[in-house]
Protein backbone atom coordinates (compact mmCIF):
# COMPACT_ATOMS: atom_id res chain seq x y z
CA MET A 1 63.20 39.75 37.86
CA ARG A 2 59.52 38.75 38.09
CA LYS A 3 59.57 37.72 34.42
CA ILE A 4 62.62 35.50 35.04
CA ILE A 5 60.94 33.91 38.05
CA LEU A 6 57.77 33.26 36.03
CA ILE A 7 59.80 31.70 33.21
CA LEU A 8 61.61 29.44 35.68
CA ILE A 9 58.32 28.39 37.31
CA THR A 10 56.78 27.69 33.89
CA CYS A 11 59.78 25.59 32.84
CA HIS A 12 59.64 23.65 36.11
CA LEU A 13 55.92 22.96 35.74
CA SER A 14 56.45 21.86 32.14
CA LEU A 15 59.14 19.39 33.21
CA VAL A 16 56.90 18.03 35.95
CA THR A 17 54.05 17.61 33.45
CA PHE A 18 56.30 15.81 30.94
CA SER A 19 57.56 13.52 33.71
CA GLN A 20 54.00 12.73 34.80
CA ASP A 21 52.97 12.04 31.20
CA MET A 22 55.89 9.64 30.67
CA ASN A 23 55.26 7.90 33.99
CA ALA A 24 51.65 7.38 32.92
CA LEU A 25 52.75 5.94 29.55
CA VAL A 26 55.23 3.58 31.20
CA MET A 27 52.57 2.37 33.63
CA LYS A 28 50.19 1.63 30.74
CA VAL A 29 52.86 -0.46 29.02
CA LYS A 30 53.59 -2.20 32.33
CA ALA A 31 49.88 -2.99 32.79
CA LYS A 32 49.84 -4.65 29.38
CA LEU A 33 52.86 -6.80 30.22
CA ASP A 34 51.36 -7.62 33.62
CA GLN A 35 48.72 -9.72 31.84
CA VAL A 36 51.46 -12.34 31.52
CA ASN A 37 52.18 -14.24 34.73
CA ASP A 38 54.38 -16.77 32.95
CA TYR A 39 55.14 -18.14 29.51
CA GLU A 40 56.98 -20.88 27.71
CA ALA A 41 58.10 -20.17 24.16
CA ASP A 42 59.73 -22.05 21.29
CA GLY A 43 62.06 -20.29 18.91
CA ARG A 44 65.13 -20.32 16.72
CA MET A 45 68.30 -18.52 17.73
CA LYS A 46 70.92 -17.11 15.40
CA THR A 47 74.21 -15.90 16.86
CA ASP A 48 76.51 -13.44 15.14
CA VAL A 49 79.57 -12.74 17.28
CA ALA A 50 82.98 -11.86 15.84
CA PHE A 51 85.36 -14.85 15.61
CA ILE A 52 82.84 -17.29 17.07
CA LYS A 53 81.06 -19.87 14.93
CA ALA A 54 77.64 -20.85 16.29
CA PRO A 55 74.97 -22.54 14.14
CA ILE A 56 71.28 -21.61 14.15
CA GLY A 57 69.59 -23.67 16.82
CA LYS A 58 66.25 -24.34 18.46
CA VAL A 59 65.63 -22.72 21.83
CA LYS A 60 63.05 -22.85 24.56
CA VAL A 61 62.48 -19.77 26.70
CA PHE A 62 60.79 -19.66 30.10
CA TYR A 63 59.57 -16.62 32.06
CA LYS A 64 57.79 -16.22 35.39
CA LYS A 65 56.90 -13.10 37.35
CA PRO A 66 58.48 -10.96 38.50
CA ASN A 67 61.83 -11.52 36.79
CA LYS A 68 62.65 -15.20 36.39
CA PHE A 69 63.95 -15.92 32.91
CA ARG A 70 65.74 -18.88 31.37
CA LEU A 71 66.81 -19.85 27.87
CA LYS A 72 67.61 -23.45 26.91
CA LYS A 73 69.27 -24.36 23.63
CA ASP A 74 68.97 -27.78 22.01
CA GLY A 75 72.55 -28.98 21.77
CA GLY A 76 75.61 -26.82 21.37
CA ILE A 77 76.41 -23.78 23.45
CA SER A 78 73.95 -21.03 24.29
CA LEU A 79 75.98 -17.93 23.54
CA LEU A 80 74.16 -15.03 25.14
CA PRO A 81 75.53 -12.31 27.43
CA LYS A 82 74.30 -12.77 30.98
CA GLY A 83 72.84 -9.28 31.21
CA GLY A 84 71.24 -9.52 27.78
CA VAL A 85 69.27 -12.59 28.80
CA SER A 86 67.96 -11.23 32.08
CA VAL A 87 67.23 -7.77 30.74
CA ASN A 88 64.00 -8.48 28.88
CA MET A 89 61.01 -6.15 28.93
CA ASN A 90 59.35 -7.95 31.82
CA SER A 91 62.48 -7.58 33.96
CA ILE A 92 62.83 -3.89 33.16
CA PHE A 93 59.20 -3.22 34.03
CA SER A 94 59.54 -5.10 37.31
CA ILE A 95 61.20 -1.92 38.58
CA THR A 96 58.61 -0.28 40.83
CA ASP A 97 60.38 2.91 41.89
CA PHE A 98 61.57 5.01 38.97
CA VAL A 99 61.53 8.37 37.22
CA ALA A 100 60.47 8.45 33.56
CA LEU A 101 61.62 11.37 31.42
CA ALA A 102 60.61 12.37 27.90
CA ALA A 103 63.55 12.32 25.46
CA GLY A 104 61.94 13.06 22.09
CA GLU A 105 60.61 10.85 19.33
CA ALA A 106 62.07 8.41 16.79
CA VAL A 107 60.91 6.08 14.04
CA ILE A 108 61.75 2.43 14.72
CA GLY A 109 60.92 -0.16 12.07
CA GLY A 110 58.58 2.28 10.35
CA THR A 111 56.70 3.05 13.58
CA LYS A 112 56.73 6.42 15.32
CA THR A 113 57.78 6.03 18.94
CA LYS A 114 58.14 8.09 22.09
CA ILE A 115 61.61 7.97 23.64
CA VAL A 116 61.46 7.53 27.40
CA LYS A 117 64.43 7.41 29.76
CA LEU A 118 63.75 5.27 32.81
CA LEU A 119 65.87 6.05 35.88
CA PRO A 120 65.54 3.58 38.79
CA SER A 121 65.36 5.35 42.16
CA ASN A 122 66.78 2.35 44.04
CA GLU A 123 70.56 2.67 44.09
CA ASN A 124 70.86 -1.11 44.48
CA SER A 125 69.22 -1.73 41.11
CA ASP A 126 71.53 -3.42 38.59
CA ILE A 127 69.90 -1.30 35.88
CA VAL A 128 71.42 2.17 35.78
CA LEU A 129 69.43 3.56 32.84
CA ALA A 130 66.91 2.18 30.36
CA THR A 131 66.05 4.14 27.23
CA MET A 132 62.82 2.84 25.71
CA TYR A 133 61.24 3.55 22.34
CA ILE A 134 57.51 3.09 22.91
CA ASP A 135 54.81 2.68 20.29
CA GLU A 136 52.24 4.76 22.16
CA ALA A 137 49.25 3.71 20.05
CA ASN A 138 49.77 0.00 20.72
CA LEU A 139 51.62 0.29 24.06
CA LEU A 140 54.57 -1.74 22.77
CA VAL A 141 58.29 -1.29 23.39
CA LYS A 142 59.94 -1.41 19.97
CA LYS A 143 63.48 -0.91 21.22
CA ALA A 144 65.31 -0.60 24.53
CA VAL A 145 68.89 0.35 25.33
CA THR A 146 69.79 -0.71 28.85
CA THR A 147 72.90 0.15 30.85
CA THR A 148 73.69 -2.12 33.80
CA LYS A 149 76.25 -2.00 36.59
CA GLU A 150 77.65 -5.47 36.01
CA ASN A 151 77.11 -6.38 32.36
CA GLY A 152 77.65 -3.27 30.27
CA THR A 153 75.12 -1.85 27.82
CA TYR A 154 72.68 -3.94 25.78
CA GLU A 155 70.28 -3.10 23.01
CA ILE A 156 67.06 -5.02 22.41
CA GLU A 157 64.89 -4.48 19.35
CA MET A 158 61.51 -6.19 19.00
CA SER A 159 59.01 -7.00 16.25
CA TYR A 160 55.44 -7.96 17.08
CA GLY A 161 52.72 -10.08 15.48
CA GLN A 162 50.15 -12.55 16.77
CA PHE A 163 51.02 -12.10 20.47
CA MET A 164 51.19 -8.30 20.52
CA GLN A 165 48.07 -8.11 22.72
CA TYR A 166 50.26 -9.51 25.51
CA GLY A 167 53.24 -7.33 24.64
CA LEU A 168 55.20 -10.43 23.60
CA PRO A 169 57.41 -10.17 20.49
CA ASP A 170 57.63 -12.51 17.53
CA LYS A 171 61.26 -11.55 17.06
CA VAL A 172 63.93 -10.16 19.39
CA VAL A 173 67.38 -8.93 18.43
CA PHE A 174 69.99 -8.52 21.21
CA GLY A 175 72.96 -6.29 20.47
CA PHE A 176 75.97 -5.95 22.78
CA ASN A 177 79.66 -5.05 22.92
CA THR A 178 81.83 -8.15 23.12
CA LYS A 179 84.38 -6.29 25.25
CA ASP A 180 81.79 -6.39 28.07
CA TYR A 181 81.21 -10.11 27.56
CA LYS A 182 83.14 -12.93 29.22
CA LEU A 183 83.33 -16.15 27.21
CA PRO A 184 81.84 -19.18 28.96
CA LYS A 185 84.22 -22.01 29.80
CA GLY A 186 84.71 -24.43 26.92
CA ILE A 187 84.26 -21.88 24.14
CA THR A 188 87.19 -21.35 21.81
CA LEU A 189 87.53 -18.65 19.22
CA GLU A 190 88.05 -19.66 15.59
CA PHE A 191 90.39 -17.48 13.54
CA ASP A 192 91.21 -17.30 9.85
CA ASP A 193 94.51 -18.98 8.96
CA ASN A 194 96.08 -15.75 7.78
CA GLU A 195 95.32 -13.87 10.98
CA LYS A 196 98.02 -13.21 13.53
CA LYS A 197 97.57 -15.10 16.74
CA ILE A 198 96.65 -12.63 19.47
CA SER A 199 94.84 -12.87 22.77
CA GLU A 200 91.11 -13.57 22.97
CA ALA A 201 90.63 -10.31 24.87
CA GLU A 202 92.17 -8.34 22.02
CA LYS A 203 90.04 -10.14 19.43
CA LEU A 204 86.86 -9.27 21.29
CA LYS A 205 87.78 -5.69 22.09
CA ASN A 206 85.29 -3.15 20.64
CA LYS A 207 83.52 -5.77 18.52
CA LYS A 208 79.76 -6.04 18.22
CA GLY A 209 77.72 -9.10 19.06
CA ARG A 210 74.22 -9.86 17.83
CA VAL A 211 71.79 -12.57 18.85
CA GLU A 212 68.48 -12.96 17.05
CA ILE A 213 65.59 -15.05 18.39
CA THR A 214 62.49 -15.70 16.28
CA TYR A 215 59.62 -17.15 18.30
CA THR A 216 57.30 -19.70 16.73
CA ASN A 217 54.94 -20.35 19.64
CA TYR A 218 54.01 -19.12 23.12
CA ILE A 219 52.21 -20.96 25.93
CA ILE A 220 50.93 -18.20 28.20
CA ASN A 221 49.72 -18.31 31.84
CA LYS A 222 49.68 -22.11 32.14
CA GLY A 223 51.98 -22.18 35.17
CA ILE A 224 55.70 -22.99 35.35
CA ASN A 225 57.45 -24.81 38.20
CA ASP A 226 60.24 -22.84 39.91
CA SER A 227 62.60 -25.80 39.38
CA VAL A 228 62.82 -24.81 35.68
CA PHE A 229 64.86 -21.74 36.66
CA LYS A 230 67.40 -23.55 38.86
């Protein structure tokens, strides 16, 4: 019996230690992102959603602490899932009360990462679970899979370059299930002539959507008026 109790105590202490280690890692990544009070970025957006034709277009992205985020597209329709836009790394790390748990390791884009599951303690948080793949050496999030209450599950994968010291990516790829996505008003689906005419909901069911943004420039910590986000 004593041996069993000792084993249970050891396992408990190990779990506590792992949790503390992951919390410390998350806080280091957060501290890196906290260097950025605001930014304005130029980029090009490519949309790949089943049955929807959307050309590559120029975009301008705005961010301001703690979680204000807006994307503007030059002409055409900005086809991004609501949750996918708001769930960027800065928004995820604006969560102050959470539990971080170790979930193994994985190689993302040739980089070894620590897998961390972030569980918000606040039951009112829209984010239910965020699984992050963190490059521990450079304190960068290479990939995040986020489950929300209102907008389904989204995957974000990031590549870094000249702005990595701020934790800002050169390229972001959003992945989402179209069944969780409501089409904005004014968007029509384009079908092949030989396809049977069925409902839009059926066409989108269980399909994958992908939005890729490649950033060409960032203006960091120069101040952004709140009116930009209205």
